Amino acid sequence: MSIFPFKRKELLTEAEKQQLVQAIRDAERLTSGEIRLYVESHCKYVNPMERAKEIFLRLGMGNTKRRNGVILYIALKDRQFAILGDKGIHEKVGSAFWVKEAELLVSHFSRNELIAGIDTCIREIGESLCRYFPFEGDDENELPDDIVIGR
């Protein structure tokens, strides 16, 4: 959870969406883990982590076979975000990993590099998922790779 220092007039352009979907696909290519990106204008709660938990459940991310789903939640106009990993991945990487990823996002966002920050974060999460949950022959993509755009 953090506040980043700039505002955007639109959520994501088509080119940005394509870049980030490709980052998700690349990150998931060698893992059974699942990454979802949810972007909306305003956070419905004071704490963006609470909103991320709500979305995580609504998108069925807690139902993955190995409990290794991760959601990256961003409320652009409110300038907030949260990263939430399911039990399986959290037990492997620990709290320090999520703090590091949040700091990475803040670093990029402070330089007005929203898309580069999200892309890098997705890829780093994918590397951790690959390390702890490598792709096995029977793995399938359990969740869509598309970006969910809220209001």
C-alpha atoms as a PDB file:
ATOM      1  CA  MET A   1       0.000   0.000   0.000  1.00  0.00           C
ATOM      2  CA  SER A   2       1.368   3.336  -0.947  1.00  0.00           C
ATOM      3  CA  ILE A   3       0.627   6.639  -2.549  1.00  0.00           C
ATOM      4  CA  PHE A   4       2.461   7.571  -5.704  1.00  0.00           C
ATOM      5  CA  PRO A   5       3.163  11.132  -6.764  1.00  0.00           C
ATOM      6  CA  PHE A   6       1.416  11.700 -10.086  1.00  0.00           C
ATOM      7  CA  LYS A   7      -1.949  11.582 -11.752  1.00  0.00           C
ATOM      8  CA  ARG A   8      -3.060  10.259 -15.132  1.00  0.00           C
ATOM      9  CA  LYS A   9      -5.964  11.416 -17.240  1.00  0.00           C
ATOM     10  CA  GLU A  10      -6.778   7.921 -18.539  1.00  0.00           C
ATOM     11  CA  LEU A  11      -6.433   4.509 -17.015  1.00  0.00           C
ATOM     12  CA  LEU A  12      -4.356   2.629 -19.611  1.00  0.00           C
ATOM     13  CA  THR A  13      -3.885   3.021 -23.335  1.00  0.00           C
ATOM     14  CA  GLU A  14      -4.308  -0.007 -25.603  1.00  0.00           C
ATOM     15  CA  ALA A  15      -0.544  -0.169 -26.146  1.00  0.00           C
ATOM     16  CA  GLU A  16       0.056  -0.115 -22.372  1.00  0.00           C
ATOM     17  CA  LYS A  17      -2.522  -2.860 -21.861  1.00  0.00           C
ATOM     18  CA  GLN A  18      -0.851  -5.008 -24.517  1.00  0.00           C
ATOM     19  CA  GLN A  19       2.579  -4.471 -22.950  1.00  0.00           C
ATOM     20  CA  LEU A  20       1.355  -5.441 -19.485  1.00  0.00           C
ATOM     21  CA  VAL A  21      -0.601  -8.484 -20.700  1.00  0.00           C
ATOM     22  CA  GLN A  22       2.576  -9.628 -22.448  1.00  0.00           C
ATOM     23  CA  ALA A  23       4.510  -9.137 -19.201  1.00  0.00           C
ATOM     24  CA  ILE A  24       1.960 -11.333 -17.405  1.00  0.00           C
ATOM     25  CA  ARG A  25       2.187 -14.018 -20.100  1.00  0.00           C
ATOM     26  CA  ASP A  26       5.989 -13.929 -20.021  1.00  0.00           C
ATOM     27  CA  ALA A  27       6.017 -14.094 -16.220  1.00  0.00           C
ATOM     28  CA  GLU A  28       3.609 -17.058 -16.132  1.00  0.00           C
ATOM     29  CA  ARG A  29       5.230 -18.984 -18.984  1.00  0.00           C
ATOM     30  CA  LEU A  30       7.513 -21.080 -16.738  1.00  0.00           C
ATOM     31  CA  THR A  31       5.388 -21.279 -13.594  1.00  0.00           C
ATOM     32  CA  SER A  32       2.109 -22.662 -12.334  1.00  0.00           C
ATOM     33  CA  GLY A  33       1.616 -19.322 -10.552  1.00  0.00           C
ATOM     34  CA  GLU A  34      -0.991 -16.782 -11.591  1.00  0.00           C
ATOM     35  CA  ILE A  35      -0.669 -13.004 -11.762  1.00  0.00           C
ATOM     36  CA  ARG A  36      -3.590 -10.630 -12.200  1.00  0.00           C
ATOM     37  CA  LEU A  37      -3.533  -6.875 -12.664  1.00  0.00           C
ATOM     38  CA  TYR A  38      -6.544  -4.842 -11.580  1.00  0.00           C
ATOM     39  CA  VAL A  39      -6.629  -1.129 -12.390  1.00  0.00           C
ATOM     40  CA  GLU A  40      -9.345   1.331 -11.442  1.00  0.00           C
ATOM     41  CA  SER A  41      -9.691   5.054 -10.892  1.00  0.00           C
ATOM     42  CA  HIS A  42     -10.716   5.150  -7.250  1.00  0.00           C
ATOM     43  CA  CYS A  43     -10.243   2.788  -4.322  1.00  0.00           C
ATOM     44  CA  LYS A  44     -13.516   2.004  -2.570  1.00  0.00           C
ATOM     45  CA  TYR A  45     -11.739   1.691   0.791  1.00  0.00           C
ATOM     46  CA  VAL A  46      -9.330   3.805   2.789  1.00  0.00           C
ATOM     47  CA  ASN A  47      -6.850   0.932   2.752  1.00  0.00           C
ATOM     48  CA  PRO A  48      -6.074  -0.363  -0.770  1.00  0.00           C
ATOM     49  CA  MET A  49      -5.037  -3.738   0.669  1.00  0.00           C
ATOM     50  CA  GLU A  50      -8.639  -4.297   1.763  1.00  0.00           C
ATOM     51  CA  ARG A  51      -9.798  -3.558  -1.792  1.00  0.00           C
ATOM     52  CA  ALA A  52      -7.133  -5.920  -3.168  1.00  0.00           C
ATOM     53  CA  LYS A  53      -8.390  -8.686  -0.857  1.00  0.00           C
ATOM     54  CA  GLU A  54     -11.960  -8.135  -2.046  1.00  0.00           C
ATOM     55  CA  ILE A  55     -10.921  -8.279  -5.707  1.00  0.00           C
ATOM     56  CA  PHE A  56      -8.669 -11.293  -5.085  1.00  0.00           C
ATOM     57  CA  LEU A  57     -11.641 -13.238  -3.759  1.00  0.00           C
ATOM     58  CA  ARG A  58     -14.056 -11.982  -6.417  1.00  0.00           C
ATOM     59  CA  LEU A  59     -11.691 -13.048  -9.214  1.00  0.00           C
ATOM     60  CA  GLY A  60     -11.380 -16.542  -7.701  1.00  0.00           C
ATOM     61  CA  MET A  61      -7.666 -16.147  -7.133  1.00  0.00           C
ATOM     62  CA  GLY A  62      -7.780 -18.143  -3.907  1.00  0.00           C
ATOM     63  CA  ASN A  63      -8.930 -21.186  -5.847  1.00  0.00           C
ATOM     64  CA  THR A  64      -5.677 -21.950  -7.645  1.00  0.00           C
ATOM     65  CA  LYS A  65      -4.376 -25.478  -7.228  1.00  0.00           C
ATOM     66  CA  ARG A  66      -1.176 -24.441  -5.424  1.00  0.00           C
ATOM     67  CA  ARG A  67      -2.502 -21.231  -3.796  1.00  0.00           C
ATOM     68  CA  ASN A  68       0.051 -19.228  -5.755  1.00  0.00           C
ATOM     69  CA  GLY A  69      -1.932 -16.345  -7.198  1.00  0.00           C
ATOM     70  CA  VAL A  70      -0.780 -12.731  -6.930  1.00  0.00           C
ATOM     71  CA  ILE A  71      -2.826  -9.609  -7.561  1.00  0.00           C
ATOM     72  CA  LEU A  72      -1.369  -6.223  -8.290  1.00  0.00           C
ATOM     73  CA  TYR A  73      -4.044  -3.631  -7.514  1.00  0.00           C
ATOM     74  CA  ILE A  74      -3.737  -0.007  -8.642  1.00  0.00           C
ATOM     75  CA  ALA A  75      -6.142   2.893  -8.056  1.00  0.00           C
ATOM     76  CA  LEU A  76      -4.775   5.538 -10.414  1.00  0.00           C
ATOM     77  CA  LYS A  77      -6.700   8.681  -9.501  1.00  0.00           C
ATOM     78  CA  ASP A  78      -6.363   7.934  -5.790  1.00  0.00           C
ATOM     79  CA  ARG A  79      -2.674   7.170  -6.421  1.00  0.00           C
ATOM     80  CA  GLN A  80      -2.690   3.985  -4.338  1.00  0.00           C
ATOM     81  CA  PHE A  81      -1.699   0.381  -4.890  1.00  0.00           C
ATOM     82  CA  ALA A  82      -1.435  -2.968  -3.131  1.00  0.00           C
ATOM     83  CA  ILE A  83       0.240  -6.280  -3.900  1.00  0.00           C
ATOM     84  CA  LEU A  84      -1.343  -9.404  -2.453  1.00  0.00           C
ATOM     85  CA  GLY A  85      -0.047 -12.944  -2.750  1.00  0.00           C
ATOM     86  CA  ASP A  86      -1.978 -16.061  -1.801  1.00  0.00           C
ATOM     87  CA  LYS A  87      -0.896 -18.337   1.041  1.00  0.00           C
ATOM     88  CA  GLY A  88       1.299 -20.642  -1.066  1.00  0.00           C
ATOM     89  CA  ILE A  89       3.526 -17.937  -2.524  1.00  0.00           C
ATOM     90  CA  HIS A  90       3.526 -15.788   0.618  1.00  0.00           C
ATOM     91  CA  GLU A  91       4.846 -18.700   2.682  1.00  0.00           C
ATOM     92  CA  LYS A  92       7.744 -19.038   0.226  1.00  0.00           C
ATOM     93  CA  VAL A  93       8.765 -15.408  -0.270  1.00  0.00           C
ATOM     94  CA  GLY A  94       7.761 -13.803   3.037  1.00  0.00           C
ATOM     95  CA  SER A  95       6.818 -10.221   3.827  1.00  0.00           C
ATOM     96  CA  ALA A  96      10.198  -8.780   2.850  1.00  0.00           C
ATOM     97  CA  PHE A  97       9.590  -9.719  -0.792  1.00  0.00           C
ATOM     98  CA  TRP A  98       6.298  -7.805  -0.956  1.00  0.00           C
ATOM     99  CA  VAL A  99       7.903  -4.776   0.703  1.00  0.00           C
ATOM    100  CA  LYS A 100      10.718  -4.890  -1.875  1.00  0.00           C
ATOM    101  CA  GLU A 101       8.191  -5.023  -4.742  1.00  0.00           C
ATOM    102  CA  ALA A 102       6.214  -2.129  -3.259  1.00  0.00           C
ATOM    103  CA  GLU A 103       9.417  -0.092  -2.970  1.00  0.00           C
ATOM    104  CA  LEU A 104      10.218  -0.916  -6.597  1.00  0.00           C
ATOM    105  CA  LEU A 105       6.816   0.415  -7.656  1.00  0.00           C
ATOM    106  CA  VAL A 106       7.193   3.591  -5.599  1.00  0.00           C
ATOM    107  CA  SER A 107      10.645   4.149  -7.107  1.00  0.00           C
ATOM    108  CA  HIS A 108       9.305   3.875 -10.661  1.00  0.00           C
ATOM    109  CA  PHE A 109       6.143   5.815  -9.913  1.00  0.00           C
ATOM    110  CA  SER A 110       8.110   8.677  -8.332  1.00  0.00           C
ATOM    111  CA  ARG A 111       9.888   9.052 -11.689  1.00  0.00           C
ATOM    112  CA  ASN A 112       6.526   9.026 -13.501  1.00  0.00           C
ATOM    113  CA  GLU A 113       7.273   5.543 -14.909  1.00  0.00           C
ATOM    114  CA  LEU A 114       3.943   3.866 -14.187  1.00  0.00           C
ATOM    115  CA  ILE A 115       4.001   1.236 -16.932  1.00  0.00           C
ATOM    116  CA  ALA A 116       7.706   0.428 -16.540  1.00  0.00           C
ATOM    117  CA  GLY A 117       7.166  -0.024 -12.809  1.00  0.00           C
ATOM    118  CA  ILE A 118       4.191  -2.338 -13.232  1.00  0.00           C
ATOM    119  CA  ASP A 119       5.989  -4.306 -15.963  1.00  0.00           C
ATOM    120  CA  THR A 120       9.104  -4.767 -13.817  1.00  0.00           C
ATOM    121  CA  CYS A 121       7.052  -5.742 -10.774  1.00  0.00           C
ATOM    122  CA  ILE A 122       5.091  -8.342 -12.752  1.00  0.00           C
ATOM    123  CA  ARG A 123       8.308  -9.842 -14.121  1.00  0.00           C
ATOM    124  CA  GLU A 124       9.974 -10.000 -10.692  1.00  0.00           C
ATOM    125  CA  ILE A 125       6.906 -11.661  -9.183  1.00  0.00           C
ATOM    126  CA  GLY A 126       7.010 -14.115 -12.083  1.00  0.00           C
ATOM    127  CA  GLU A 127      10.654 -14.946 -11.309  1.00  0.00           C
ATOM    128  CA  SER A 128       9.748 -15.769  -7.715  1.00  0.00           C
ATOM    129  CA  LEU A 129       6.765 -17.831  -8.795  1.00  0.00           C
ATOM    130  CA  CYS A 130       9.001 -19.714 -11.230  1.00  0.00           C
ATOM    131  CA  ARG A 131      11.568 -20.373  -8.493  1.00  0.00           C
ATOM    132  CA  TYR A 132       9.036 -21.803  -6.044  1.00  0.00           C
ATOM    133  CA  PHE A 133       6.342 -23.074  -8.417  1.00  0.00           C
ATOM    134  CA  PRO A 134       8.047 -24.163 -11.648  1.00  0.00           C
ATOM    135  CA  PHE A 135       5.908 -25.238 -14.564  1.00  0.00           C
ATOM    136  CA  GLU A 136       5.091 -28.935 -14.505  1.00  0.00           C
ATOM    137  CA  GLY A 137       3.669 -30.976 -17.364  1.00  0.00           C
ATOM    138  CA  ASP A 138       0.092 -30.977 -16.049  1.00  0.00           C
ATOM    139  CA  ASP A 139      -0.062 -27.244 -15.231  1.00  0.00           C
ATOM    140  CA  GLU A 140      -2.659 -25.133 -16.952  1.00  0.00           C
ATOM    141  CA  ASN A 141      -3.350 -21.426 -17.000  1.00  0.00           C
ATOM    142  CA  GLU A 142      -5.993 -21.327 -14.269  1.00  0.00           C
ATOM    143  CA  LEU A 143      -6.859 -17.623 -14.566  1.00  0.00           C
ATOM    144  CA  PRO A 144      -7.108 -15.194 -17.501  1.00  0.00           C
ATOM    145  CA  ASP A 145      -4.071 -13.038 -18.263  1.00  0.00           C
ATOM    146  CA  ASP A 146      -6.101  -9.980 -19.226  1.00  0.00           C
ATOM    147  CA  ILE A 147      -6.050  -6.804 -17.193  1.00  0.00           C
ATOM    148  CA  VAL A 148      -9.195  -6.131 -15.241  1.00  0.00           C
ATOM    149  CA  ILE A 149     -10.266  -2.515 -15.545  1.00  0.00           C
ATOM    150  CA  GLY A 150     -12.557  -1.276 -12.811  1.00  0.00           C
ATOM    151  CA  ARG A 151     -14.304   2.060 -12.568  1.00  0.00           C
END
